[in-house]
Amino acid sequence: MPHTVALFAAASGDQGPGNTIRIVLVASLLGAALLAWFLLRGYRNDDNND
């Protein structure tokens, strides 16, 4: 029984860069969406630019 606890502890502590990559991906997707919104809102035609 103590061996399985040690195995689970070792497995959970050695996850690698998974969480960091997820955070970077989500942040970059949000940043790209905000950048696209910021750039594309200048091309909106409101019919008041005579």
PDB file of N, CA and C in Angstrom:
ATOM      1  N   MET A   1       0.812  -1.210   0.000  1.00  0.00           N
ATOM      2  CA  MET A   1       0.000   0.000   0.000  1.00  0.00           C
ATOM      3  C   MET A   1       0.854   1.271   0.000  1.00  0.00           C
ATOM      4  N   PRO A   2       1.918   1.377   0.810  1.00  0.00           N
ATOM      5  CA  PRO A   2       2.730   2.605   0.765  1.00  0.00           C
ATOM      6  C   PRO A   2       3.409   2.800  -0.585  1.00  0.00           C
ATOM      7  N   HIS A   3       3.645   1.705  -1.302  1.00  0.00           N
ATOM      8  CA  HIS A   3       4.299   1.835  -2.609  1.00  0.00           C
ATOM      9  C   HIS A   3       3.376   2.518  -3.617  1.00  0.00           C
ATOM     10  N   THR A   4       2.086   2.211  -3.552  1.00  0.00           N
ATOM     11  CA  THR A   4       1.167   2.840  -4.500  1.00  0.00           C
ATOM     12  C   THR A   4       1.024   4.331  -4.221  1.00  0.00           C
ATOM     13  N   VAL A   5       1.053   4.707  -2.941  1.00  0.00           N
ATOM     14  CA  VAL A   5       0.978   6.126  -2.593  1.00  0.00           C
ATOM     15  C   VAL A   5       2.212   6.850  -3.118  1.00  0.00           C
ATOM     16  N   ALA A   6       3.370   6.221  -3.006  1.00  0.00           N
ATOM     17  CA  ALA A   6       4.596   6.828  -3.509  1.00  0.00           C
ATOM     18  C   ALA A   6       4.560   6.933  -5.031  1.00  0.00           C
ATOM     19  N   LEU A   7       4.007   5.930  -5.691  1.00  0.00           N
ATOM     20  CA  LEU A   7       3.891   5.985  -7.153  1.00  0.00           C
ATOM     21  C   LEU A   7       2.966   7.105  -7.603  1.00  0.00           C
ATOM     22  N   PHE A   8       1.823   7.247  -6.923  1.00  0.00           N
ATOM     23  CA  PHE A   8       0.895   8.319  -7.293  1.00  0.00           C
ATOM     24  C   PHE A   8       1.496   9.695  -7.019  1.00  0.00           C
ATOM     25  N   ALA A   9       2.228   9.825  -5.944  1.00  0.00           N
ATOM     26  CA  ALA A   9       2.866  11.105  -5.622  1.00  0.00           C
ATOM     27  C   ALA A   9       3.926  11.444  -6.659  1.00  0.00           C
ATOM     28  N   ALA A  10       4.693  10.464  -7.092  1.00  0.00           N
ATOM     29  CA  ALA A  10       5.725  10.709  -8.096  1.00  0.00           C
ATOM     30  C   ALA A  10       5.091  11.029  -9.448  1.00  0.00           C
ATOM     31  N   ALA A  11       4.004  10.347  -9.783  1.00  0.00           N
ATOM     32  CA  ALA A  11       3.355  10.586 -11.071  1.00  0.00           C
ATOM     33  C   ALA A  11       2.695  11.956 -11.109  1.00  0.00           C
ATOM     34  N   SER A  12       2.097  12.390 -10.009  1.00  0.00           N
ATOM     35  CA  SER A  12       1.423  13.684 -10.012  1.00  0.00           C
ATOM     36  C   SER A  12       2.423  14.832  -9.964  1.00  0.00           C
ATOM     37  N   GLY A  13       3.596  14.609  -9.413  1.00  0.00           N
ATOM     38  CA  GLY A  13       4.582  15.674  -9.346  1.00  0.00           C
ATOM     39  C   GLY A  13       5.378  15.841 -10.620  1.00  0.00           C
ATOM     40  N   ASP A  14       5.313  14.878 -11.521  1.00  0.00           N
ATOM     41  CA  ASP A  14       6.121  14.918 -12.743  1.00  0.00           C
ATOM     42  C   ASP A  14       5.220  15.089 -13.960  1.00  0.00           C
ATOM     43  N   GLN A  15       4.511  16.189 -14.010  1.00  0.00           N
ATOM     44  CA  GLN A  15       3.581  16.427 -15.103  1.00  0.00           C
ATOM     45  C   GLN A  15       4.242  17.102 -16.297  1.00  0.00           C
ATOM     46  N   GLY A  16       5.362  17.740 -16.107  1.00  0.00           N
ATOM     47  CA  GLY A  16       6.013  18.428 -17.217  1.00  0.00           C
ATOM     48  C   GLY A  16       5.407  19.803 -17.440  1.00  0.00           C
ATOM     49  N   PRO A  17       5.612  20.340 -18.633  1.00  0.00           N
ATOM     50  CA  PRO A  17       5.155  21.710 -18.902  1.00  0.00           C
ATOM     51  C   PRO A  17       3.713  21.797 -19.392  1.00  0.00           C
ATOM     52  N   GLY A  18       2.886  20.832 -19.080  1.00  0.00           N
ATOM     53  CA  GLY A  18       1.520  20.811 -19.612  1.00  0.00           C
ATOM     54  C   GLY A  18       0.689  22.015 -19.222  1.00  0.00           C
ATOM     55  N   ASN A  19       0.662  22.367 -17.942  1.00  0.00           N
ATOM     56  CA  ASN A  19      -0.142  23.510 -17.504  1.00  0.00           C
ATOM     57  C   ASN A  19       0.389  24.804 -18.072  1.00  0.00           C
ATOM     58  N   THR A  20       1.691  24.952 -18.136  1.00  0.00           N
ATOM     59  CA  THR A  20       2.280  26.176 -18.670  1.00  0.00           C
ATOM     60  C   THR A  20       1.931  26.337 -20.143  1.00  0.00           C
ATOM     61  N   ILE A  21       1.996  25.259 -20.897  1.00  0.00           N
ATOM     62  CA  ILE A  21       1.660  25.334 -22.318  1.00  0.00           C
ATOM     63  C   ILE A  21       0.188  25.676 -22.495  1.00  0.00           C
ATOM     64  N   ARG A  22      -0.679  25.111 -21.668  1.00  0.00           N
ATOM     65  CA  ARG A  22      -2.101  25.437 -21.748  1.00  0.00           C
ATOM     66  C   ARG A  22      -2.342  26.917 -21.472  1.00  0.00           C
ATOM     67  N   ILE A  23      -1.697  27.445 -20.445  1.00  0.00           N
ATOM     68  CA  ILE A  23      -1.868  28.861 -20.104  1.00  0.00           C
ATOM     69  C   ILE A  23      -1.366  29.744 -21.240  1.00  0.00           C
ATOM     70  N   VAL A  24      -0.211  29.411 -21.803  1.00  0.00           N
ATOM     71  CA  VAL A  24       0.339  30.201 -22.908  1.00  0.00           C
ATOM     72  C   VAL A  24      -0.579  30.135 -24.125  1.00  0.00           C
ATOM     73  N   LEU A  25      -1.121  28.962 -24.431  1.00  0.00           N
ATOM     74  CA  LEU A  25      -2.027  28.842 -25.573  1.00  0.00           C
ATOM     75  C   LEU A  25      -3.302  29.656 -25.381  1.00  0.00           C
ATOM     76  N   VAL A  26      -3.897  29.571 -24.207  1.00  0.00           N
ATOM     77  CA  VAL A  26      -5.131  30.323 -23.955  1.00  0.00           C
ATOM     78  C   VAL A  26      -4.857  31.821 -23.999  1.00  0.00           C
ATOM     79  N   ALA A  27      -3.750  32.255 -23.397  1.00  0.00           N
ATOM     80  CA  ALA A  27      -3.423  33.677 -23.402  1.00  0.00           C
ATOM     81  C   ALA A  27      -3.138  34.172 -24.816  1.00  0.00           C
ATOM     82  N   SER A  28      -2.465  33.363 -25.622  1.00  0.00           N
ATOM     83  CA  SER A  28      -2.171  33.801 -26.989  1.00  0.00           C
ATOM     84  C   SER A  28      -3.440  33.839 -27.832  1.00  0.00           C
ATOM     85  N   LEU A  29      -4.345  32.897 -27.633  1.00  0.00           N
ATOM     86  CA  LEU A  29      -5.607  32.942 -28.371  1.00  0.00           C
ATOM     87  C   LEU A  29      -6.442  34.159 -27.989  1.00  0.00           C
ATOM     88  N   LEU A  30      -6.502  34.457 -26.702  1.00  0.00           N
ATOM     89  CA  LEU A  30      -7.221  35.656 -26.272  1.00  0.00           C
ATOM     90  C   LEU A  30      -6.556  36.914 -26.809  1.00  0.00           C
ATOM     91  N   GLY A  31      -5.237  36.949 -26.784  1.00  0.00           N
ATOM     92  CA  GLY A  31      -4.516  38.099 -27.319  1.00  0.00           C
ATOM     93  C   GLY A  31      -4.744  38.264 -28.806  1.00  0.00           C
ATOM     94  N   ALA A  32      -4.763  37.166 -29.550  1.00  0.00           N
ATOM     95  CA  ALA A  32      -5.009  37.242 -30.992  1.00  0.00           C
ATOM     96  C   ALA A  32      -6.429  37.722 -31.266  1.00  0.00           C
ATOM     97  N   ALA A  33      -7.389  37.270 -30.484  1.00  0.00           N
ATOM     98  CA  ALA A  33      -8.769  37.721 -30.671  1.00  0.00           C
ATOM     99  C   ALA A  33      -8.896  39.210 -30.371  1.00  0.00           C
ATOM    100  N   LEU A  34      -8.266  39.674 -29.310  1.00  0.00           N
ATOM    101  CA  LEU A  34      -8.313  41.104 -28.992  1.00  0.00           C
ATOM    102  C   LEU A  34      -7.604  41.935 -30.050  1.00  0.00           C
ATOM    103  N   LEU A  35      -6.482  41.458 -30.542  1.00  0.00           N
ATOM    104  CA  LEU A  35      -5.762  42.175 -31.589  1.00  0.00           C
ATOM    105  C   LEU A  35      -6.586  42.234 -32.870  1.00  0.00           C
ATOM    106  N   ALA A  36      -7.228  41.139 -33.241  1.00  0.00           N
ATOM    107  CA  ALA A  36      -8.073  41.127 -34.434  1.00  0.00           C
ATOM    108  C   ALA A  36      -9.241  42.093 -34.273  1.00  0.00           C
ATOM    109  N   TRP A  37      -9.860  42.101 -33.099  1.00  0.00           N
ATOM    110  CA  TRP A  37     -10.963  43.030 -32.854  1.00  0.00           C
ATOM    111  C   TRP A  37     -10.484  44.467 -32.950  1.00  0.00           C
ATOM    112  N   PHE A  38      -9.342  44.762 -32.363  1.00  0.00           N
ATOM    113  CA  PHE A  38      -8.814  46.123 -32.366  1.00  0.00           C
ATOM    114  C   PHE A  38      -8.474  46.579 -33.780  1.00  0.00           C
ATOM    115  N   LEU A  39      -7.874  45.694 -34.575  1.00  0.00           N
ATOM    116  CA  LEU A  39      -7.497  46.070 -35.936  1.00  0.00           C
ATOM    117  C   LEU A  39      -8.706  46.151 -36.860  1.00  0.00           C
ATOM    118  N   LEU A  40      -9.635  45.213 -36.728  1.00  0.00           N
ATOM    119  CA  LEU A  40     -10.763  45.165 -37.646  1.00  0.00           C
ATOM    120  C   LEU A  40     -11.836  46.195 -37.336  1.00  0.00           C
ATOM    121  N   ARG A  41     -11.874  46.736 -36.136  1.00  0.00           N
ATOM    122  CA  ARG A  41     -12.899  47.734 -35.847  1.00  0.00           C
ATOM    123  C   ARG A  41     -12.642  49.027 -36.606  1.00  0.00           C
ATOM    124  N   GLY A  42     -11.422  49.257 -37.060  1.00  0.00           N
ATOM    125  CA  GLY A  42     -11.130  50.434 -37.870  1.00  0.00           C
ATOM    126  C   GLY A  42     -11.687  50.328 -39.275  1.00  0.00           C
ATOM    127  N   TYR A  43     -12.000  49.126 -39.735  1.00  0.00           N
ATOM    128  CA  TYR A  43     -12.529  48.934 -41.079  1.00  0.00           C
ATOM    129  C   TYR A  43     -14.052  48.911 -41.112  1.00  0.00           C
ATOM    130  N   ARG A  44     -14.670  49.135 -39.967  1.00  0.00           N
ATOM    131  CA  ARG A  44     -16.127  49.128 -39.899  1.00  0.00           C
ATOM    132  C   ARG A  44     -16.669  50.360 -40.628  1.00  0.00           C
ATOM    133  N   ASN A  45     -17.726  50.189 -41.367  1.00  0.00           N
ATOM    134  CA  ASN A  45     -18.319  51.291 -42.122  1.00  0.00           C
ATOM    135  C   ASN A  45     -19.643  51.663 -41.452  1.00  0.00           C
ATOM    136  N   ASP A  46     -19.681  52.841 -40.820  1.00  0.00           N
ATOM    137  CA  ASP A  46     -20.872  53.296 -40.117  1.00  0.00           C
ATOM    138  C   ASP A  46     -21.678  54.309 -40.938  1.00  0.00           C
ATOM    139  N   ASP A  47     -21.296  54.523 -42.198  1.00  0.00           N
ATOM    140  CA  ASP A  47     -21.980  55.484 -43.081  1.00  0.00           C
ATOM    141  C   ASP A  47     -21.942  56.904 -42.538  1.00  0.00           C
ATOM    142  N   ASN A  48     -20.948  57.240 -41.749  1.00  0.00           N
ATOM    143  CA  ASN A  48     -20.829  58.619 -41.275  1.00  0.00           C
ATOM    144  C   ASN A  48     -19.411  59.157 -41.544  1.00  0.00           C
ATOM    145  N   ASN A  49     -18.753  58.627 -42.559  1.00  0.00           N
ATOM    146  CA  ASN A  49     -17.413  59.098 -42.885  1.00  0.00           C
ATOM    147  C   ASN A  49     -17.427  59.819 -44.237  1.00  0.00           C
ATOM    148  N   ASP A  50     -18.309  60.800 -44.354  1.00  0.00           N
ATOM    149  CA  ASP A  50     -18.441  61.561 -45.604  1.00  0.00           C
ATOM    150  C   ASP A  50     -17.273  62.490 -45.807  1.00  0.00           C
TER     151      ASP A  50
END
